[in-house]
Amino acid sequence: MSERIQSVFCMDSVHTDYAKIASASIASAAMNCSEPMDIHIVTVKQDKGPSKTIEDISDFVSQYGCNLILHEVDVSTLNISEERMSYIGTMLRLLLPNVLECDKVIYLDCDLAVNIDLKEMWDLDLRGKSVTGSIDEGISDSYSKSQIRKIMGKDTDYLNAGVMIMDLKKIRENHDLFNESIDYLDTHRKAIMRDQDALNYIFIDDKLTIDRKYNRLASSVTKEEGFDDKIIHFTGKKPWKVIRSDVYDEYWRYFLMMPWMSDPQECWRWTKDVVDNRTLADTLGEHGKIIAMVKMFFKALKLRLMYEIGAKR
């Protein structure tokens, strides 16, 4: 029997709407994987009991041979400042060598559409490197080459840490990843990409660059090119905040399959005002008329019904 693929998602809480937001990424990974997979969720321990959202996601991915495994981390024992707690969801990936027992894992951000078979990524030759990922296509928007050289210490490929293969066994043997990253951030106050900068620096000579199809920024993908055979990363404006464009529909087609979207009121809430009035106003301003939201609502119901009919067959 072949080894089960190991993937992991990190989030600050499983008791907020963000857990539902992450469901699209989790569902897409499960639905498109051709082999059995363990999907780990690493989150902050809150002592709030079971999460109905996680239970719903677990039931959903089990249809595709995937196990959902929850890991709760007591961050009160860690040296994390209040400012860094504001992005604890990404900081948790620095703890993966300590939290997970597996030797290798595919780390995935919660704002993806995984339109690729993760078995393909799992089988890549890592060439003995600790971390593997795609070059960050959008880093030039934040950093110049001279800034990267200043932060990293030399010219180097700069990886987007939103999708990575991590050799946890090698990292455990050679690094105290969390504390090394904290030390880096304490001495590099201008590291605007924070823990992503730390990961690129720590593994500056121990990282492998792979094809960009494994982490394509949504802003660079066109309908003409197609959305299949790639992992689409929704950096910048998020599809659950601004409902628009063909590429954003790649997120919504997975999200609309979630059990809670069979409730018309819940469906309307997510397609109407998932965030604040300002964001809703911006969305309506871009569309020019409220009918766009109404169409999205009925599209959600239609896709949900189609999925239910297909599932029952």
C-alpha atoms as a PDB file:
ATOM      1  CA  MET A   1       0.000   0.000   0.000  1.00  0.00           C
ATOM      2  CA  SER A   2       1.392   3.381  -0.996  1.00  0.00           C
ATOM      3  CA  GLU A   3       2.229   6.100   1.521  1.00  0.00           C
ATOM      4  CA  ARG A   4      -0.603   8.512   2.206  1.00  0.00           C
ATOM      5  CA  ILE A   5      -0.083  12.046   0.980  1.00  0.00           C
ATOM      6  CA  GLN A   6       0.208  14.562   3.812  1.00  0.00           C
ATOM      7  CA  SER A   7      -1.092  18.128   3.426  1.00  0.00           C
ATOM      8  CA  VAL A   8      -1.641  20.872   5.980  1.00  0.00           C
ATOM      9  CA  PHE A   9      -3.601  24.117   6.333  1.00  0.00           C
ATOM     10  CA  CYS A  10      -3.082  26.619   9.163  1.00  0.00           C
ATOM     11  CA  MET A  11      -5.680  29.028  10.564  1.00  0.00           C
ATOM     12  CA  ASP A  12      -6.007  31.137  13.683  1.00  0.00           C
ATOM     13  CA  SER A  13      -9.383  29.680  14.658  1.00  0.00           C
ATOM     14  CA  VAL A  14     -11.758  26.918  13.597  1.00  0.00           C
ATOM     15  CA  HIS A  15     -14.658  28.730  15.261  1.00  0.00           C
ATOM     16  CA  THR A  16     -14.909  31.763  12.964  1.00  0.00           C
ATOM     17  CA  ASP A  17     -16.043  32.390   9.400  1.00  0.00           C
ATOM     18  CA  TYR A  18     -12.438  32.011   8.268  1.00  0.00           C
ATOM     19  CA  ALA A  19     -12.732  28.259   8.762  1.00  0.00           C
ATOM     20  CA  LYS A  20     -15.572  28.324   6.253  1.00  0.00           C
ATOM     21  CA  ILE A  21     -13.523  30.510   3.924  1.00  0.00           C
ATOM     22  CA  ALA A  22     -10.708  27.931   4.048  1.00  0.00           C
ATOM     23  CA  SER A  23     -13.131  25.156   3.121  1.00  0.00           C
ATOM     24  CA  ALA A  24     -12.866  25.933  -0.597  1.00  0.00           C
ATOM     25  CA  SER A  25      -9.099  25.377  -0.565  1.00  0.00           C
ATOM     26  CA  ILE A  26      -9.453  22.204   1.496  1.00  0.00           C
ATOM     27  CA  ALA A  27     -12.258  20.832  -0.702  1.00  0.00           C
ATOM     28  CA  SER A  28     -10.361  21.557  -3.923  1.00  0.00           C
ATOM     29  CA  ALA A  29      -7.281  19.725  -2.625  1.00  0.00           C
ATOM     30  CA  ALA A  30      -9.362  16.685  -1.648  1.00  0.00           C
ATOM     31  CA  MET A  31     -11.498  16.517  -4.778  1.00  0.00           C
ATOM     32  CA  ASN A  32      -8.579  16.669  -7.207  1.00  0.00           C
ATOM     33  CA  CYS A  33      -6.188  14.282  -5.434  1.00  0.00           C
ATOM     34  CA  SER A  34      -5.980  10.814  -6.977  1.00  0.00           C
ATOM     35  CA  GLU A  35      -4.498   9.141  -3.877  1.00  0.00           C
ATOM     36  CA  PRO A  36      -5.599   8.850  -0.223  1.00  0.00           C
ATOM     37  CA  MET A  37      -4.567  11.936   1.710  1.00  0.00           C
ATOM     38  CA  ASP A  38      -4.356  13.094   5.310  1.00  0.00           C
ATOM     39  CA  ILE A  39      -5.374  16.741   5.590  1.00  0.00           C
ATOM     40  CA  HIS A  40      -4.026  18.341   8.753  1.00  0.00           C
ATOM     41  CA  ILE A  41      -5.564  21.496  10.193  1.00  0.00           C
ATOM     42  CA  VAL A  42      -3.274  23.377  12.603  1.00  0.00           C
ATOM     43  CA  THR A  43      -4.988  26.023  14.690  1.00  0.00           C
ATOM     44  CA  VAL A  44      -4.781  27.930  17.976  1.00  0.00           C
ATOM     45  CA  LYS A  45      -6.165  26.074  20.990  1.00  0.00           C
ATOM     46  CA  GLN A  46      -9.246  27.894  22.288  1.00  0.00           C
ATOM     47  CA  ASP A  47     -11.066  25.372  24.505  1.00  0.00           C
ATOM     48  CA  LYS A  48     -14.369  26.011  22.732  1.00  0.00           C
ATOM     49  CA  GLY A  49     -15.204  22.414  22.036  1.00  0.00           C
ATOM     50  CA  PRO A  50     -15.873  20.809  18.639  1.00  0.00           C
ATOM     51  CA  SER A  51     -16.221  23.024  15.570  1.00  0.00           C
ATOM     52  CA  LYS A  52     -19.321  22.332  13.465  1.00  0.00           C
ATOM     53  CA  THR A  53     -17.537  23.803  10.458  1.00  0.00           C
ATOM     54  CA  ILE A  54     -14.609  21.408  10.803  1.00  0.00           C
ATOM     55  CA  GLU A  55     -17.020  18.506  11.251  1.00  0.00           C
ATOM     56  CA  ASP A  56     -18.821  19.514   8.041  1.00  0.00           C
ATOM     57  CA  ILE A  57     -15.541  19.825   6.110  1.00  0.00           C
ATOM     58  CA  SER A  58     -14.367  16.482   7.490  1.00  0.00           C
ATOM     59  CA  ASP A  59     -17.550  14.766   6.296  1.00  0.00           C
ATOM     60  CA  PHE A  60     -17.153  16.368   2.875  1.00  0.00           C
ATOM     61  CA  VAL A  61     -13.515  15.374   2.252  1.00  0.00           C
ATOM     62  CA  SER A  62     -14.120  11.838   3.531  1.00  0.00           C
ATOM     63  CA  GLN A  63     -16.097  11.243   0.313  1.00  0.00           C
ATOM     64  CA  TYR A  64     -12.768  11.538  -1.518  1.00  0.00           C
ATOM     65  CA  GLY A  65     -10.763   9.195   0.717  1.00  0.00           C
ATOM     66  CA  CYS A  66      -9.280  11.978   2.832  1.00  0.00           C
ATOM     67  CA  ASN A  67      -8.890  12.094   6.606  1.00  0.00           C
ATOM     68  CA  LEU A  68      -9.135  15.465   8.346  1.00  0.00           C
ATOM     69  CA  ILE A  69      -6.876  15.693  11.415  1.00  0.00           C
ATOM     70  CA  LEU A  70      -7.108  18.665  13.786  1.00  0.00           C
ATOM     71  CA  HIS A  71      -4.083  19.898  15.760  1.00  0.00           C
ATOM     72  CA  GLU A  72      -4.605  22.614  18.382  1.00  0.00           C
ATOM     73  CA  VAL A  73      -1.541  24.578  19.480  1.00  0.00           C
ATOM     74  CA  ASP A  74      -1.301  26.288  22.876  1.00  0.00           C
ATOM     75  CA  VAL A  75       0.384  29.520  21.769  1.00  0.00           C
ATOM     76  CA  SER A  76       0.358  30.922  25.317  1.00  0.00           C
ATOM     77  CA  THR A  77       3.557  28.952  25.914  1.00  0.00           C
ATOM     78  CA  LEU A  78       5.322  30.629  22.997  1.00  0.00           C
ATOM     79  CA  ASN A  79       7.155  33.923  22.766  1.00  0.00           C
ATOM     80  CA  ILE A  80       4.734  35.658  20.391  1.00  0.00           C
ATOM     81  CA  SER A  81       4.156  39.403  20.607  1.00  0.00           C
ATOM     82  CA  GLU A  82       0.703  40.942  20.337  1.00  0.00           C
ATOM     83  CA  GLU A  83       1.626  42.332  16.921  1.00  0.00           C
ATOM     84  CA  ARG A  84       2.643  38.891  15.651  1.00  0.00           C
ATOM     85  CA  MET A  85      -0.498  37.337  17.072  1.00  0.00           C
ATOM     86  CA  SER A  86      -2.360  39.418  14.477  1.00  0.00           C
ATOM     87  CA  TYR A  87      -0.973  37.077  11.805  1.00  0.00           C
ATOM     88  CA  ILE A  88      -0.713  33.913  13.881  1.00  0.00           C
ATOM     89  CA  GLY A  89      -2.434  31.938  11.100  1.00  0.00           C
ATOM     90  CA  THR A  90       0.719  32.092   8.967  1.00  0.00           C
ATOM     91  CA  MET A  91       3.107  31.975  11.935  1.00  0.00           C
ATOM     92  CA  LEU A  92       1.732  28.521  12.748  1.00  0.00           C
ATOM     93  CA  ARG A  93       3.488  27.054   9.698  1.00  0.00           C
ATOM     94  CA  LEU A  94       6.773  27.730  11.491  1.00  0.00           C
ATOM     95  CA  LEU A  95       5.682  25.193  14.120  1.00  0.00           C
ATOM     96  CA  LEU A  96       4.888  22.374  11.697  1.00  0.00           C
ATOM     97  CA  PRO A  97       8.117  20.424  12.385  1.00  0.00           C
ATOM     98  CA  ASN A  98       7.071  20.307  16.052  1.00  0.00           C
ATOM     99  CA  VAL A  99       3.334  19.772  15.615  1.00  0.00           C
ATOM    100  CA  LEU A 100       3.271  17.123  12.873  1.00  0.00           C
ATOM    101  CA  GLU A 101       4.860  13.684  13.164  1.00  0.00           C
ATOM    102  CA  CYS A 102       5.155  13.023   9.424  1.00  0.00           C
ATOM    103  CA  ASP A 103       8.491  13.415   7.615  1.00  0.00           C
ATOM    104  CA  LYS A 104       7.146  15.425   4.681  1.00  0.00           C
ATOM    105  CA  VAL A 105       4.109  17.635   4.130  1.00  0.00           C
ATOM    106  CA  ILE A 106       2.580  19.879   1.485  1.00  0.00           C
ATOM    107  CA  TYR A 107       1.785  23.196   3.156  1.00  0.00           C
ATOM    108  CA  LEU A 108      -1.130  25.110   1.600  1.00  0.00           C
ATOM    109  CA  ASP A 109      -2.508  28.574   2.336  1.00  0.00           C
ATOM    110  CA  CYS A 110      -6.248  28.928   2.910  1.00  0.00           C
ATOM    111  CA  ASP A 111      -6.838  31.180  -0.140  1.00  0.00           C
ATOM    112  CA  LEU A 112      -6.264  28.704  -2.966  1.00  0.00           C
ATOM    113  CA  ALA A 113      -8.085  26.770  -5.646  1.00  0.00           C
ATOM    114  CA  VAL A 114      -6.081  23.538  -5.925  1.00  0.00           C
ATOM    115  CA  ASN A 115      -6.889  22.590  -9.520  1.00  0.00           C
ATOM    116  CA  ILE A 116      -4.114  20.028  -9.661  1.00  0.00           C
ATOM    117  CA  ASP A 117      -3.560  16.507  -8.410  1.00  0.00           C
ATOM    118  CA  LEU A 118      -1.400  16.888  -5.299  1.00  0.00           C
ATOM    119  CA  LYS A 119      -0.019  13.397  -5.977  1.00  0.00           C
ATOM    120  CA  GLU A 120       1.962  15.008  -8.794  1.00  0.00           C
ATOM    121  CA  MET A 121       3.452  17.535  -6.385  1.00  0.00           C
ATOM    122  CA  TRP A 122       4.043  14.891  -3.693  1.00  0.00           C
ATOM    123  CA  ASP A 123       6.115  12.800  -6.129  1.00  0.00           C
ATOM    124  CA  LEU A 124       8.474  15.616  -7.153  1.00  0.00           C
ATOM    125  CA  ASP A 125      12.192  15.041  -6.638  1.00  0.00           C
ATOM    126  CA  LEU A 126      13.106  17.484  -3.855  1.00  0.00           C
ATOM    127  CA  ARG A 127      16.841  16.994  -4.504  1.00  0.00           C
ATOM    128  CA  GLY A 128      17.547  16.885  -0.782  1.00  0.00           C
ATOM    129  CA  LYS A 129      16.240  20.413  -0.123  1.00  0.00           C
ATOM    130  CA  SER A 130      14.331  21.347   3.031  1.00  0.00           C
ATOM    131  CA  VAL A 131      11.691  23.518   1.346  1.00  0.00           C
ATOM    132  CA  THR A 132      10.333  23.520  -2.192  1.00  0.00           C
ATOM    133  CA  GLY A 133       8.092  26.098  -3.851  1.00  0.00           C
ATOM    134  CA  SER A 134       7.466  28.478  -6.738  1.00  0.00           C
ATOM    135  CA  ILE A 135       9.067  31.871  -7.240  1.00  0.00           C
ATOM    136  CA  ASP A 136       6.834  34.652  -5.950  1.00  0.00           C
ATOM    137  CA  GLU A 137       5.442  36.293  -9.089  1.00  0.00           C
ATOM    138  CA  GLY A 138       4.182  39.348  -7.246  1.00  0.00           C
ATOM    139  CA  ILE A 139       7.152  40.156  -5.015  1.00  0.00           C
ATOM    140  CA  SER A 140       8.316  42.937  -7.338  1.00  0.00           C
ATOM    141  CA  ASP A 141       5.206  44.841  -6.278  1.00  0.00           C
ATOM    142  CA  SER A 142       6.620  45.070  -2.748  1.00  0.00           C
ATOM    143  CA  TYR A 143      10.379  44.617  -3.078  1.00  0.00           C
ATOM    144  CA  SER A 144      12.994  45.744  -5.550  1.00  0.00           C
ATOM    145  CA  LYS A 145      15.930  43.433  -6.281  1.00  0.00           C
ATOM    146  CA  SER A 146      18.102  45.587  -4.042  1.00  0.00           C
ATOM    147  CA  GLN A 147      15.595  45.218  -1.193  1.00  0.00           C
ATOM    148  CA  ILE A 148      15.571  41.431  -1.605  1.00  0.00           C
ATOM    149  CA  ARG A 149      19.383  41.500  -1.541  1.00  0.00           C
ATOM    150  CA  LYS A 150      19.302  43.586   1.644  1.00  0.00           C
ATOM    151  CA  ILE A 151      16.773  41.309   3.381  1.00  0.00           C
ATOM    152  CA  MET A 152      18.258  38.015   2.160  1.00  0.00           C
ATOM    153  CA  GLY A 153      21.914  39.033   2.204  1.00  0.00           C
ATOM    154  CA  LYS A 154      22.494  38.167  -1.454  1.00  0.00           C
ATOM    155  CA  ASP A 155      20.761  37.706  -4.805  1.00  0.00           C
ATOM    156  CA  THR A 156      18.502  34.669  -4.550  1.00  0.00           C
ATOM    157  CA  ASP A 157      15.288  33.144  -5.788  1.00  0.00           C
ATOM    158  CA  TYR A 158      12.466  34.333  -3.542  1.00  0.00           C
ATOM    159  CA  LEU A 159       9.743  31.739  -2.953  1.00  0.00           C
ATOM    160  CA  ASN A 160       6.095  32.378  -2.216  1.00  0.00           C
ATOM    161  CA  ALA A 161       5.507  30.424   0.994  1.00  0.00           C
ATOM    162  CA  GLY A 162       1.781  29.966   0.329  1.00  0.00           C
ATOM    163  CA  VAL A 163       2.433  26.567  -1.256  1.00  0.00           C
ATOM    164  CA  MET A 164       5.451  24.580  -0.106  1.00  0.00           C
ATOM    165  CA  ILE A 165       6.696  21.041   0.205  1.00  0.00           C
ATOM    166  CA  MET A 166       8.498  20.841   3.540  1.00  0.00           C
ATOM    167  CA  ASP A 167      10.962  18.082   4.431  1.00  0.00           C
ATOM    168  CA  LEU A 168      10.027  18.124   8.112  1.00  0.00           C
ATOM    169  CA  LYS A 169      12.497  15.391   9.019  1.00  0.00           C
ATOM    170  CA  LYS A 170      15.451  17.347   7.670  1.00  0.00           C
ATOM    171  CA  ILE A 171      14.191  20.597   9.178  1.00  0.00           C
ATOM    172  CA  ARG A 172      13.866  18.985  12.618  1.00  0.00           C
ATOM    173  CA  GLU A 173      17.421  17.658  12.386  1.00  0.00           C
ATOM    174  CA  ASN A 174      18.969  20.992  11.387  1.00  0.00           C
ATOM    175  CA  HIS A 175      16.767  23.803  12.664  1.00  0.00           C
ATOM    176  CA  ASP A 176      14.662  25.176  15.481  1.00  0.00           C
ATOM    177  CA  LEU A 177      12.457  26.756  12.840  1.00  0.00           C
ATOM    178  CA  PHE A 178      10.113  28.773  15.026  1.00  0.00           C
ATOM    179  CA  ASN A 179      12.798  30.350  17.228  1.00  0.00           C
ATOM    180  CA  GLU A 180      15.129  30.958  14.282  1.00  0.00           C
ATOM    181  CA  SER A 181      12.298  32.769  12.509  1.00  0.00           C
ATOM    182  CA  ILE A 182      11.543  34.892  15.590  1.00  0.00           C
ATOM    183  CA  ASP A 183      15.228  35.828  15.823  1.00  0.00           C
ATOM    184  CA  TYR A 184      15.192  36.791  12.144  1.00  0.00           C
ATOM    185  CA  LEU A 185      12.108  38.971  12.540  1.00  0.00           C
ATOM    186  CA  ASP A 186      13.553  40.643  15.642  1.00  0.00           C
ATOM    187  CA  THR A 187      16.656  41.668  13.695  1.00  0.00           C
ATOM    188  CA  HIS A 188      14.923  42.476  10.391  1.00  0.00           C
ATOM    189  CA  ARG A 189      12.198  44.923  11.346  1.00  0.00           C
ATOM    190  CA  LYS A 190      11.677  45.938   7.702  1.00  0.00           C
ATOM    191  CA  ALA A 191      10.747  42.425   6.612  1.00  0.00           C
ATOM    192  CA  ILE A 192       7.331  43.356   5.238  1.00  0.00           C
ATOM    193  CA  MET A 193       6.553  39.790   4.171  1.00  0.00           C
ATOM    194  CA  ARG A 194       7.297  38.694   7.764  1.00  0.00           C
ATOM    195  CA  ASP A 195       7.508  34.915   8.206  1.00  0.00           C
ATOM    196  CA  GLN A 196       7.778  34.413   4.439  1.00  0.00           C
ATOM    197  CA  ASP A 197      10.942  36.513   4.518  1.00  0.00           C
ATOM    198  CA  ALA A 198      12.196  34.435   7.440  1.00  0.00           C
ATOM    199  CA  LEU A 199      11.621  31.162   5.584  1.00  0.00           C
ATOM    200  CA  ASN A 200      13.407  32.445   2.479  1.00  0.00           C
ATOM    201  CA  TYR A 201      16.346  33.612   4.583  1.00  0.00           C
ATOM    202  CA  ILE A 202      16.698  30.522   6.781  1.00  0.00           C
ATOM    203  CA  PHE A 203      16.601  28.198   3.765  1.00  0.00           C
ATOM    204  CA  ILE A 204      18.491  30.552   1.462  1.00  0.00           C
ATOM    205  CA  ASP A 205      20.810  27.757   0.276  1.00  0.00           C
ATOM    206  CA  ASP A 206      18.444  24.893   1.048  1.00  0.00           C
ATOM    207  CA  LYS A 207      15.387  25.535  -1.129  1.00  0.00           C
ATOM    208  CA  LEU A 208      14.264  24.218  -4.493  1.00  0.00           C
ATOM    209  CA  THR A 209      12.373  26.225  -7.093  1.00  0.00           C
ATOM    210  CA  ILE A 210       9.617  24.395  -9.003  1.00  0.00           C
ATOM    211  CA  ASP A 211       7.255  25.263 -11.854  1.00  0.00           C
ATOM    212  CA  ARG A 212       5.049  28.271 -11.199  1.00  0.00           C
ATOM    213  CA  LYS A 213       1.932  26.216 -11.967  1.00  0.00           C
ATOM    214  CA  TYR A 214       2.139  25.015  -8.371  1.00  0.00           C
ATOM    215  CA  ASN A 215       1.493  28.562  -7.119  1.00  0.00           C
ATOM    216  CA  ARG A 216      -0.017  30.889  -9.704  1.00  0.00           C
ATOM    217  CA  LEU A 217      -1.222  34.262  -8.506  1.00  0.00           C
ATOM    218  CA  ALA A 218      -4.847  34.725  -9.528  1.00  0.00           C
ATOM    219  CA  SER A 219      -4.013  38.125 -11.016  1.00  0.00           C
ATOM    220  CA  SER A 220      -1.726  36.439 -13.575  1.00  0.00           C
ATOM    221  CA  VAL A 221      -4.135  33.723 -14.759  1.00  0.00           C
ATOM    222  CA  THR A 222      -6.463  34.375 -17.709  1.00  0.00           C
ATOM    223  CA  LYS A 223      -9.568  32.593 -18.963  1.00  0.00           C
ATOM    224  CA  GLU A 224      -7.852  32.090 -22.320  1.00  0.00           C
ATOM    225  CA  GLU A 225      -4.992  30.251 -20.623  1.00  0.00           C
ATOM    226  CA  GLY A 226      -7.404  28.167 -18.583  1.00  0.00           C
ATOM    227  CA  PHE A 227      -7.647  27.408 -14.889  1.00  0.00           C
ATOM    228  CA  ASP A 228      -6.936  23.671 -14.882  1.00  0.00           C
ATOM    229  CA  ASP A 229      -3.629  21.986 -14.014  1.00  0.00           C
ATOM    230  CA  LYS A 230      -2.484  24.675 -11.608  1.00  0.00           C
ATOM    231  CA  ILE A 231      -2.877  25.933  -8.053  1.00  0.00           C
ATOM    232  CA  ILE A 232      -4.478  29.373  -8.119  1.00  0.00           C
ATOM    233  CA  HIS A 233      -3.472  31.650  -5.242  1.00  0.00           C
ATOM    234  CA  PHE A 234      -5.847  34.498  -4.404  1.00  0.00           C
ATOM    235  CA  THR A 235      -3.418  37.063  -3.077  1.00  0.00           C
ATOM    236  CA  GLY A 236      -4.533  40.691  -2.963  1.00  0.00           C
ATOM    237  CA  LYS A 237      -8.311  41.076  -3.104  1.00  0.00           C
ATOM    238  CA  LYS A 238     -10.018  37.930  -1.911  1.00  0.00           C
ATOM    239  CA  PRO A 239     -12.880  36.242  -3.803  1.00  0.00           C
ATOM    240  CA  TRP A 240     -14.981  36.080  -0.629  1.00  0.00           C
ATOM    241  CA  LYS A 241     -14.746  39.861  -0.383  1.00  0.00           C
ATOM    242  CA  VAL A 242     -15.166  40.938  -3.998  1.00  0.00           C
ATOM    243  CA  ILE A 243     -17.287  38.699  -6.210  1.00  0.00           C
ATOM    244  CA  ARG A 244     -16.096  39.162  -9.761  1.00  0.00           C
ATOM    245  CA  SER A 245     -14.238  37.643 -12.730  1.00  0.00           C
ATOM    246  CA  ASP A 246     -13.841  34.158 -14.129  1.00  0.00           C
ATOM    247  CA  VAL A 247     -10.804  33.317 -12.024  1.00  0.00           C
ATOM    248  CA  TYR A 248     -12.673  34.205  -8.813  1.00  0.00           C
ATOM    249  CA  ASP A 249     -15.341  31.699  -9.817  1.00  0.00           C
ATOM    250  CA  GLU A 250     -12.673  29.007  -9.362  1.00  0.00           C
ATOM    251  CA  TYR A 251     -12.877  29.683  -5.631  1.00  0.00           C
ATOM    252  CA  TRP A 252     -16.656  29.951  -5.563  1.00  0.00           C
ATOM    253  CA  ARG A 253     -17.306  26.685  -7.394  1.00  0.00           C
ATOM    254  CA  TYR A 254     -15.736  24.802  -4.489  1.00  0.00           C
ATOM    255  CA  PHE A 255     -17.170  26.983  -1.754  1.00  0.00           C
ATOM    256  CA  LEU A 256     -20.697  26.594  -3.090  1.00  0.00           C
ATOM    257  CA  MET A 257     -20.476  22.828  -2.527  1.00  0.00           C
ATOM    258  CA  MET A 258     -20.145  23.245   1.223  1.00  0.00           C
ATOM    259  CA  PRO A 259     -23.065  21.879   3.303  1.00  0.00           C
ATOM    260  CA  TRP A 260     -24.006  25.209   4.853  1.00  0.00           C
ATOM    261  CA  MET A 261     -24.584  26.698   1.391  1.00  0.00           C
ATOM    262  CA  SER A 262     -27.746  24.583   1.026  1.00  0.00           C
ATOM    263  CA  ASP A 263     -29.360  27.025   3.461  1.00  0.00           C
ATOM    264  CA  PRO A 264     -30.718  29.908   1.325  1.00  0.00           C
ATOM    265  CA  GLN A 265     -30.154  32.448   4.100  1.00  0.00           C
ATOM    266  CA  GLU A 266     -26.562  31.334   4.622  1.00  0.00           C
ATOM    267  CA  CYS A 267     -26.027  31.287   0.873  1.00  0.00           C
ATOM    268  CA  TRP A 268     -27.307  34.837   0.554  1.00  0.00           C
ATOM    269  CA  ARG A 269     -25.138  36.010   3.440  1.00  0.00           C
ATOM    270  CA  TRP A 270     -21.979  34.720   1.790  1.00  0.00           C
ATOM    271  CA  THR A 271     -22.785  36.067  -1.648  1.00  0.00           C
ATOM    272  CA  LYS A 272     -24.046  39.418  -0.380  1.00  0.00           C
ATOM    273  CA  ASP A 273     -22.186  40.811   2.602  1.00  0.00           C
ATOM    274  CA  VAL A 274     -19.589  38.398   3.898  1.00  0.00           C
ATOM    275  CA  VAL A 275     -17.485  41.329   5.012  1.00  0.00           C
ATOM    276  CA  ASP A 276     -18.308  44.967   5.729  1.00  0.00           C
ATOM    277  CA  ASN A 277     -20.473  47.569   4.036  1.00  0.00           C
ATOM    278  CA  ARG A 278     -17.469  49.344   2.517  1.00  0.00           C
ATOM    279  CA  THR A 279     -16.350  46.196   0.715  1.00  0.00           C
ATOM    280  CA  LEU A 280     -19.914  45.509  -0.414  1.00  0.00           C
ATOM    281  CA  ALA A 281     -20.173  49.070  -1.707  1.00  0.00           C
ATOM    282  CA  ASP A 282     -16.888  48.671  -3.601  1.00  0.00           C
ATOM    283  CA  THR A 283     -18.167  45.448  -5.160  1.00  0.00           C
ATOM    284  CA  LEU A 284     -21.453  47.014  -6.219  1.00  0.00           C
ATOM    285  CA  GLY A 285     -19.554  50.006  -7.545  1.00  0.00           C
ATOM    286  CA  GLU A 286     -17.450  47.752  -9.752  1.00  0.00           C
ATOM    287  CA  HIS A 287     -20.496  45.882 -11.009  1.00  0.00           C
ATOM    288  CA  GLY A 288     -22.507  49.060 -11.373  1.00  0.00           C
ATOM    289  CA  LYS A 289     -25.769  47.487 -10.250  1.00  0.00           C
ATOM    290  CA  ILE A 290     -27.108  45.245  -7.537  1.00  0.00           C
ATOM    291  CA  ILE A 291     -28.398  42.705 -10.064  1.00  0.00           C
ATOM    292  CA  ALA A 292     -24.883  41.186 -10.080  1.00  0.00           C
ATOM    293  CA  MET A 293     -25.347  40.091  -6.488  1.00  0.00           C
ATOM    294  CA  VAL A 294     -28.788  38.702  -7.207  1.00  0.00           C
ATOM    295  CA  LYS A 295     -27.386  36.678 -10.109  1.00  0.00           C
ATOM    296  CA  MET A 296     -24.642  35.335  -7.883  1.00  0.00           C
ATOM    297  CA  PHE A 297     -27.220  34.190  -5.337  1.00  0.00           C
ATOM    298  CA  PHE A 298     -29.235  32.252  -7.901  1.00  0.00           C
ATOM    299  CA  LYS A 299     -26.068  30.862  -9.458  1.00  0.00           C
ATOM    300  CA  ALA A 300     -25.110  29.574  -6.006  1.00  0.00           C
ATOM    301  CA  LEU A 301     -28.452  27.826  -5.607  1.00  0.00           C
ATOM    302  CA  LYS A 302     -28.217  26.325  -9.094  1.00  0.00           C
ATOM    303  CA  LEU A 303     -24.714  24.962  -8.580  1.00  0.00           C
ATOM    304  CA  ARG A 304     -25.655  23.601  -5.174  1.00  0.00           C
ATOM    305  CA  LEU A 305     -28.643  21.762  -6.627  1.00  0.00           C
ATOM    306  CA  MET A 306     -26.522  20.370  -9.464  1.00  0.00           C
ATOM    307  CA  TYR A 307     -23.986  19.112  -6.959  1.00  0.00           C
ATOM    308  CA  GLU A 308     -26.682  17.489  -4.781  1.00  0.00           C
ATOM    309  CA  ILE A 309     -28.196  15.730  -7.779  1.00  0.00           C
ATOM    310  CA  GLY A 310     -24.780  14.510  -8.936  1.00  0.00           C
ATOM    311  CA  ALA A 311     -23.819  13.318  -5.450  1.00  0.00           C
ATOM    312  CA  LYS A 312     -27.010  11.304  -5.094  1.00  0.00           C
ATOM    313  CA  ARG A 313     -26.405   9.636  -8.431  1.00  0.00           C
END
